[in-house]
Amino acid sequence: MSWRDKQKRGNISDDEWKIVEERLKTMPNKMKLGILSNSYTKQDLLLEVQKKSDVGRAYVEMQMEFVRWLAKQSGVVQL
């Protein structure tokens, strides 16, 4: 399923937004990331996640996929 298909579903919970926001706050200040053909700093991404913009949504989806993968690999939690 593509990111755009997930975006249409709009199924990101408030908890997921908060988890990703808090996780982002722990990242190094010099962090930069390319999303949707643009480069974003840590502060830019924090603002996008807080605004729940399209860029923020893309970042949350990416991070939650990673968190689910980690949980699956550990065998501890089923998300």
N, C-alpha and C. Protein backbone atom coordinates (compact mmCIF):
# COMPACT_ATOMS: atom_id res chain seq x y z
N MET A 1 0.85 -1.18 0.00
CA MET A 1 0.00 0.00 0.00
C MET A 1 0.89 1.24 0.00
N SER A 2 0.61 2.17 -0.88
CA SER A 2 1.42 3.37 -0.98
C SER A 2 1.06 4.37 0.12
N TRP A 3 1.97 5.34 0.31
CA TRP A 3 1.72 6.37 1.32
C TRP A 3 0.44 7.12 1.00
N ARG A 4 0.20 7.42 -0.27
CA ARG A 4 -1.02 8.17 -0.63
C ARG A 4 -2.29 7.38 -0.30
N ASP A 5 -2.26 6.06 -0.47
CA ASP A 5 -3.42 5.25 -0.09
C ASP A 5 -3.66 5.33 1.41
N LYS A 6 -2.59 5.27 2.19
CA LYS A 6 -2.73 5.38 3.64
C LYS A 6 -3.23 6.76 4.03
N GLN A 7 -2.76 7.78 3.30
CA GLN A 7 -3.18 9.15 3.61
C GLN A 7 -4.69 9.28 3.45
N LYS A 8 -5.25 8.67 2.45
CA LYS A 8 -6.68 8.76 2.20
C LYS A 8 -7.48 8.11 3.33
N ARG A 9 -6.90 7.07 3.94
CA ARG A 9 -7.60 6.40 5.03
C ARG A 9 -7.66 7.28 6.26
N GLY A 10 -6.65 8.11 6.47
CA GLY A 10 -6.65 9.04 7.60
C GLY A 10 -6.75 8.36 8.94
N ASN A 11 -6.08 7.23 9.10
CA ASN A 11 -6.26 6.44 10.31
C ASN A 11 -5.09 6.55 11.28
N ILE A 12 -4.52 7.71 11.40
CA ILE A 12 -3.44 7.91 12.38
C ILE A 12 -4.09 8.38 13.68
N SER A 13 -3.86 7.62 14.73
CA SER A 13 -4.46 7.97 16.01
C SER A 13 -3.72 9.14 16.65
N ASP A 14 -4.38 9.78 17.61
CA ASP A 14 -3.74 10.87 18.35
C ASP A 14 -2.50 10.35 19.09
N ASP A 15 -2.58 9.13 19.59
CA ASP A 15 -1.43 8.54 20.28
C ASP A 15 -0.24 8.38 19.33
N GLU A 16 -0.50 7.96 18.10
CA GLU A 16 0.58 7.80 17.12
C GLU A 16 1.23 9.14 16.79
N TRP A 17 0.42 10.18 16.63
CA TRP A 17 0.98 11.52 16.39
C TRP A 17 1.90 11.91 17.55
N LYS A 18 1.44 11.66 18.78
CA LYS A 18 2.20 12.04 19.97
C LYS A 18 3.48 11.21 20.10
N ILE A 19 3.39 9.91 19.84
CA ILE A 19 4.57 9.05 19.89
C ILE A 19 5.64 9.56 18.95
N VAL A 20 5.24 9.87 17.73
CA VAL A 20 6.21 10.32 16.73
C VAL A 20 6.76 11.70 17.10
N GLU A 21 5.93 12.57 17.61
CA GLU A 21 6.40 13.89 18.03
C GLU A 21 7.46 13.75 19.13
N GLU A 22 7.18 12.92 20.12
CA GLU A 22 8.14 12.72 21.22
C GLU A 22 9.42 12.04 20.73
N ARG A 23 9.28 11.09 19.82
CA ARG A 23 10.45 10.42 19.25
C ARG A 23 11.30 11.41 18.47
N LEU A 24 10.66 12.29 17.73
CA LEU A 24 11.37 13.30 16.96
C LEU A 24 12.14 14.25 17.86
N LYS A 25 11.59 14.58 19.00
CA LYS A 25 12.26 15.48 19.95
C LYS A 25 13.58 14.90 20.45
N THR A 26 13.72 13.57 20.42
CA THR A 26 14.96 12.94 20.89
C THR A 26 16.04 12.88 19.80
N MET A 27 15.69 13.23 18.58
CA MET A 27 16.64 13.17 17.47
C MET A 27 17.67 14.30 17.59
N PRO A 28 18.85 14.13 16.99
CA PRO A 28 19.87 15.18 17.03
C PRO A 28 19.38 16.47 16.36
N ASN A 29 19.79 17.61 16.89
CA ASN A 29 19.37 18.91 16.34
C ASN A 29 19.85 19.14 14.92
N LYS A 30 20.94 18.50 14.53
CA LYS A 30 21.48 18.69 13.18
C LYS A 30 20.82 17.79 12.14
N MET A 31 19.82 17.03 12.56
CA MET A 31 19.14 16.09 11.68
C MET A 31 18.47 16.81 10.51
N LYS A 32 18.57 16.23 9.32
CA LYS A 32 17.83 16.70 8.15
C LYS A 32 17.27 15.47 7.45
N LEU A 33 16.09 15.62 6.85
CA LEU A 33 15.44 14.50 6.18
C LEU A 33 14.74 15.00 4.93
N GLY A 34 14.83 14.24 3.87
CA GLY A 34 14.14 14.57 2.64
C GLY A 34 12.81 13.85 2.58
N ILE A 35 11.74 14.62 2.40
CA ILE A 35 10.39 14.07 2.25
C ILE A 35 9.69 14.85 1.14
N LEU A 36 9.07 14.11 0.25
CA LEU A 36 8.28 14.72 -0.84
C LEU A 36 9.08 15.81 -1.56
N SER A 37 10.30 15.51 -1.94
CA SER A 37 11.18 16.38 -2.73
C SER A 37 11.67 17.64 -2.01
N ASN A 38 11.56 17.68 -0.70
CA ASN A 38 12.05 18.81 0.08
C ASN A 38 12.92 18.31 1.22
N SER A 39 13.78 19.17 1.72
CA SER A 39 14.64 18.85 2.85
C SER A 39 14.09 19.55 4.09
N TYR A 40 14.01 18.81 5.20
CA TYR A 40 13.45 19.34 6.44
C TYR A 40 14.43 19.15 7.59
N THR A 41 14.54 20.18 8.43
CA THR A 41 15.32 20.06 9.65
C THR A 41 14.44 19.43 10.73
N LYS A 42 15.05 19.13 11.86
CA LYS A 42 14.30 18.58 12.98
C LYS A 42 13.17 19.53 13.38
N GLN A 43 13.48 20.82 13.47
CA GLN A 43 12.46 21.79 13.87
C GLN A 43 11.35 21.89 12.84
N ASP A 44 11.71 21.84 11.55
CA ASP A 44 10.70 21.86 10.49
C ASP A 44 9.75 20.68 10.64
N LEU A 45 10.34 19.50 10.85
CA LEU A 45 9.52 18.30 10.99
C LEU A 45 8.62 18.36 12.22
N LEU A 46 9.15 18.87 13.32
CA LEU A 46 8.32 19.03 14.52
C LEU A 46 7.09 19.90 14.23
N LEU A 47 7.31 20.99 13.53
CA LEU A 47 6.19 21.88 13.18
C LEU A 47 5.19 21.18 12.27
N GLU A 48 5.70 20.43 11.30
CA GLU A 48 4.81 19.71 10.37
C GLU A 48 3.99 18.65 11.09
N VAL A 49 4.61 17.95 12.03
CA VAL A 49 3.89 16.93 12.80
C VAL A 49 2.86 17.61 13.70
N GLN A 50 3.22 18.70 14.34
CA GLN A 50 2.28 19.41 15.22
C GLN A 50 1.10 19.98 14.44
N LYS A 51 1.35 20.42 13.20
CA LYS A 51 0.27 20.94 12.34
C LYS A 51 -0.56 19.82 11.72
N LYS A 52 -0.04 18.58 11.77
CA LYS A 52 -0.68 17.43 11.13
C LYS A 52 -0.86 17.66 9.64
N SER A 53 0.19 18.22 9.04
CA SER A 53 0.18 18.50 7.59
C SER A 53 0.43 17.22 6.80
N ASP A 54 0.42 17.33 5.47
CA ASP A 54 0.72 16.18 4.62
C ASP A 54 2.14 15.67 4.87
N VAL A 55 3.07 16.59 5.05
CA VAL A 55 4.46 16.19 5.34
C VAL A 55 4.52 15.51 6.70
N GLY A 56 3.84 16.08 7.68
CA GLY A 56 3.79 15.48 9.01
C GLY A 56 3.18 14.08 8.96
N ARG A 57 2.13 13.94 8.18
CA ARG A 57 1.47 12.64 8.02
C ARG A 57 2.43 11.62 7.41
N ALA A 58 3.18 12.04 6.39
CA ALA A 58 4.15 11.14 5.75
C ALA A 58 5.20 10.70 6.76
N TYR A 59 5.67 11.63 7.56
CA TYR A 59 6.70 11.31 8.56
C TYR A 59 6.14 10.38 9.64
N VAL A 60 4.93 10.62 10.10
CA VAL A 60 4.31 9.77 11.11
C VAL A 60 4.13 8.35 10.57
N GLU A 61 3.64 8.23 9.35
CA GLU A 61 3.47 6.90 8.75
C GLU A 61 4.79 6.16 8.67
N MET A 62 5.83 6.86 8.23
CA MET A 62 7.15 6.25 8.10
C MET A 62 7.65 5.79 9.46
N GLN A 63 7.55 6.63 10.45
CA GLN A 63 8.04 6.30 11.78
C GLN A 63 7.23 5.16 12.41
N MET A 64 5.93 5.17 12.24
CA MET A 64 5.10 4.12 12.83
C MET A 64 5.35 2.78 12.15
N GLU A 65 5.62 2.78 10.86
CA GLU A 65 5.99 1.54 10.20
C GLU A 65 7.27 0.98 10.80
N PHE A 66 8.24 1.86 11.08
CA PHE A 66 9.49 1.44 11.69
C PHE A 66 9.26 0.91 13.10
N VAL A 67 8.46 1.59 13.89
CA VAL A 67 8.17 1.16 15.26
C VAL A 67 7.46 -0.20 15.25
N ARG A 68 6.51 -0.39 14.34
CA ARG A 68 5.81 -1.68 14.23
C ARG A 68 6.79 -2.79 13.82
N TRP A 69 7.70 -2.47 12.92
CA TRP A 69 8.70 -3.45 12.50
C TRP A 69 9.58 -3.86 13.68
N LEU A 70 10.03 -2.86 14.46
CA LEU A 70 10.85 -3.16 15.64
C LEU A 70 10.09 -4.05 16.62
N ALA A 71 8.82 -3.73 16.85
CA ALA A 71 8.03 -4.52 17.78
C ALA A 71 7.87 -5.95 17.28
N LYS A 72 7.64 -6.10 15.99
CA LYS A 72 7.50 -7.43 15.40
C LYS A 72 8.80 -8.21 15.53
N GLN A 73 9.92 -7.56 15.26
CA GLN A 73 11.22 -8.23 15.35
C GLN A 73 11.54 -8.67 16.77
N SER A 74 11.12 -7.88 17.74
CA SER A 74 11.40 -8.22 19.13
C SER A 74 10.50 -9.35 19.64
N GLY A 75 9.34 -9.48 19.02
CA GLY A 75 8.40 -10.50 19.45
C GLY A 75 7.72 -10.18 20.76
N VAL A 76 7.95 -8.98 21.26
CA VAL A 76 7.40 -8.59 22.56
C VAL A 76 5.99 -8.05 22.44
N VAL A 77 5.75 -7.23 21.43
CA VAL A 77 4.48 -6.52 21.32
C VAL A 77 3.90 -6.71 19.92
N GLN A 78 2.59 -6.89 19.85
CA GLN A 78 1.91 -6.96 18.57
C GLN A 78 1.18 -5.64 18.35
N LEU A 79 1.62 -4.84 17.37
CA LEU A 79 0.97 -3.55 17.09
C LEU A 79 0.18 -3.64 15.82
